[in-house]
Amino acid sequence: MEPKNYTVTRIEGEYAYLREDGTAGDVELFIALALLPSGTDVGTRLHYEMLEYTVID
């Protein structure tokens, strides 16, 4: 899978909804917070590559 950048749009319980940067529409990725870096919150920008998420400054 190619590298992608996401923004956390909302958090509900133990799950986060991510929207791919630069795309239009309402498509969101639903993922467990446990798989994301600690401190992830709404508005956090993430980079996904090699099955790992990292925070983008």
N, C-alpha and C. Protein backbone atom coordinates (compact mmCIF):
# COMPACT_ATOMS: atom_id res chain seq x y z
N MET A 1 0.85 -1.18 0.00
CA MET A 1 0.00 0.00 0.00
C MET A 1 0.89 1.24 0.00
N GLU A 2 0.52 2.22 -0.77
CA GLU A 2 1.31 3.45 -0.87
C GLU A 2 1.12 4.33 0.37
N PRO A 3 2.10 5.15 0.69
CA PRO A 3 1.99 6.06 1.83
C PRO A 3 0.85 7.06 1.63
N LYS A 4 0.17 7.39 2.73
CA LYS A 4 -0.94 8.35 2.67
C LYS A 4 -0.92 9.21 3.92
N ASN A 5 -1.49 10.40 3.81
CA ASN A 5 -1.64 11.30 4.94
C ASN A 5 -3.12 11.42 5.28
N TYR A 6 -3.41 11.44 6.59
CA TYR A 6 -4.78 11.52 7.07
C TYR A 6 -4.90 12.60 8.13
N THR A 7 -6.13 13.05 8.34
CA THR A 7 -6.45 13.95 9.44
C THR A 7 -7.56 13.30 10.25
N VAL A 8 -7.41 13.33 11.58
CA VAL A 8 -8.43 12.78 12.47
C VAL A 8 -9.59 13.76 12.50
N THR A 9 -10.78 13.30 12.07
CA THR A 9 -11.94 14.19 12.00
C THR A 9 -12.83 14.10 13.23
N ARG A 10 -12.84 12.94 13.87
CA ARG A 10 -13.63 12.79 15.10
C ARG A 10 -13.19 11.53 15.83
N ILE A 11 -13.50 11.50 17.12
CA ILE A 11 -13.20 10.35 17.96
C ILE A 11 -14.49 9.98 18.69
N GLU A 12 -14.84 8.71 18.62
CA GLU A 12 -16.02 8.20 19.31
C GLU A 12 -15.61 6.99 20.12
N GLY A 13 -15.58 7.15 21.44
CA GLY A 13 -15.15 6.05 22.30
C GLY A 13 -13.70 5.69 22.04
N GLU A 14 -13.45 4.45 21.69
CA GLU A 14 -12.10 3.96 21.45
C GLU A 14 -11.73 3.94 19.97
N TYR A 15 -12.50 4.64 19.15
CA TYR A 15 -12.26 4.64 17.71
C TYR A 15 -12.11 6.04 17.16
N ALA A 16 -11.29 6.17 16.13
CA ALA A 16 -11.07 7.45 15.46
C ALA A 16 -11.51 7.33 14.01
N TYR A 17 -11.96 8.43 13.47
CA TYR A 17 -12.33 8.51 12.06
C TYR A 17 -11.30 9.37 11.37
N LEU A 18 -10.72 8.85 10.30
CA LEU A 18 -9.67 9.54 9.57
C LEU A 18 -10.15 9.86 8.16
N ARG A 19 -9.77 11.04 7.68
CA ARG A 19 -10.07 11.44 6.30
C ARG A 19 -8.74 11.65 5.59
N GLU A 20 -8.62 11.07 4.40
CA GLU A 20 -7.38 11.22 3.63
C GLU A 20 -7.21 12.66 3.19
N ASP A 21 -6.02 13.22 3.40
CA ASP A 21 -5.73 14.59 3.00
C ASP A 21 -5.81 14.72 1.49
N GLY A 22 -6.38 15.83 1.04
CA GLY A 22 -6.44 16.13 -0.38
C GLY A 22 -7.55 15.43 -1.15
N THR A 23 -8.47 14.78 -0.45
CA THR A 23 -9.58 14.12 -1.14
C THR A 23 -10.89 14.81 -0.78
N ALA A 24 -11.79 14.79 -1.71
CA ALA A 24 -13.12 15.37 -1.47
C ALA A 24 -14.09 14.23 -1.15
N GLY A 25 -15.18 14.57 -0.54
CA GLY A 25 -16.20 13.57 -0.26
C GLY A 25 -16.26 13.23 1.21
N ASP A 26 -17.12 12.27 1.52
CA ASP A 26 -17.38 11.90 2.90
C ASP A 26 -16.77 10.56 3.29
N VAL A 27 -15.78 10.10 2.57
CA VAL A 27 -15.17 8.80 2.87
C VAL A 27 -14.24 8.95 4.07
N GLU A 28 -14.52 8.17 5.12
CA GLU A 28 -13.70 8.19 6.32
C GLU A 28 -13.23 6.77 6.64
N LEU A 29 -12.05 6.67 7.20
CA LEU A 29 -11.49 5.41 7.65
C LEU A 29 -11.75 5.30 9.13
N PHE A 30 -12.25 4.17 9.59
CA PHE A 30 -12.61 3.91 10.98
C PHE A 30 -11.53 3.02 11.56
N ILE A 31 -10.81 3.48 12.62
CA ILE A 31 -9.70 2.72 13.16
C ILE A 31 -9.62 2.85 14.68
N ALA A 32 -9.18 1.79 15.35
CA ALA A 32 -9.04 1.79 16.80
C ALA A 32 -7.94 2.75 17.24
N LEU A 33 -8.19 3.52 18.28
CA LEU A 33 -7.19 4.45 18.81
C LEU A 33 -5.92 3.74 19.25
N ALA A 34 -6.04 2.49 19.66
CA ALA A 34 -4.87 1.73 20.12
C ALA A 34 -3.84 1.54 19.00
N LEU A 35 -4.25 1.67 17.76
CA LEU A 35 -3.33 1.51 16.63
C LEU A 35 -2.67 2.83 16.22
N LEU A 36 -3.08 3.92 16.85
CA LEU A 36 -2.56 5.25 16.51
C LEU A 36 -1.57 5.71 17.58
N PRO A 37 -0.68 6.65 17.24
CA PRO A 37 0.29 7.15 18.22
C PRO A 37 -0.41 7.76 19.43
N SER A 38 0.22 7.63 20.61
CA SER A 38 -0.38 8.20 21.81
C SER A 38 -0.50 9.72 21.66
N GLY A 39 -1.55 10.27 22.23
CA GLY A 39 -1.79 11.70 22.13
C GLY A 39 -2.59 12.10 20.90
N THR A 40 -2.99 11.14 20.08
CA THR A 40 -3.80 11.45 18.90
C THR A 40 -5.13 12.04 19.33
N ASP A 41 -5.52 13.15 18.72
CA ASP A 41 -6.76 13.83 19.04
C ASP A 41 -7.38 14.37 17.75
N VAL A 42 -8.56 14.92 17.84
CA VAL A 42 -9.22 15.51 16.67
C VAL A 42 -8.33 16.60 16.09
N GLY A 43 -8.12 16.56 14.78
CA GLY A 43 -7.28 17.53 14.11
C GLY A 43 -5.84 17.07 13.92
N THR A 44 -5.45 15.98 14.57
CA THR A 44 -4.09 15.46 14.41
C THR A 44 -3.90 14.97 12.98
N ARG A 45 -2.76 15.34 12.38
CA ARG A 45 -2.42 14.86 11.03
C ARG A 45 -1.50 13.66 11.18
N LEU A 46 -1.79 12.60 10.44
CA LEU A 46 -1.05 11.35 10.52
C LEU A 46 -0.51 10.94 9.16
N HIS A 47 0.64 10.29 9.18
CA HIS A 47 1.24 9.72 7.97
C HIS A 47 1.20 8.20 8.14
N TYR A 48 0.68 7.51 7.13
CA TYR A 48 0.59 6.04 7.15
C TYR A 48 1.54 5.46 6.12
N GLU A 49 2.43 4.58 6.59
CA GLU A 49 3.36 3.91 5.70
C GLU A 49 3.86 2.65 6.39
N MET A 50 3.96 1.57 5.64
CA MET A 50 4.48 0.29 6.15
C MET A 50 3.73 -0.17 7.42
N LEU A 51 2.39 -0.08 7.39
CA LEU A 51 1.52 -0.51 8.47
C LEU A 51 1.73 0.27 9.76
N GLU A 52 2.22 1.51 9.68
CA GLU A 52 2.49 2.31 10.86
C GLU A 52 2.02 3.74 10.66
N TYR A 53 1.40 4.30 11.69
CA TYR A 53 0.97 5.70 11.68
C TYR A 53 1.96 6.53 12.48
N THR A 54 2.34 7.70 11.95
CA THR A 54 3.18 8.63 12.68
C THR A 54 2.55 10.02 12.58
N VAL A 55 2.79 10.85 13.60
CA VAL A 55 2.23 12.20 13.64
C VAL A 55 3.05 13.11 12.73
N ILE A 56 2.34 13.92 11.94
CA ILE A 56 2.97 14.93 11.08
C ILE A 56 2.92 16.25 11.82
N ASP A 57 4.03 16.94 11.92
CA ASP A 57 4.06 18.25 12.59
C ASP A 57 3.48 19.32 11.73
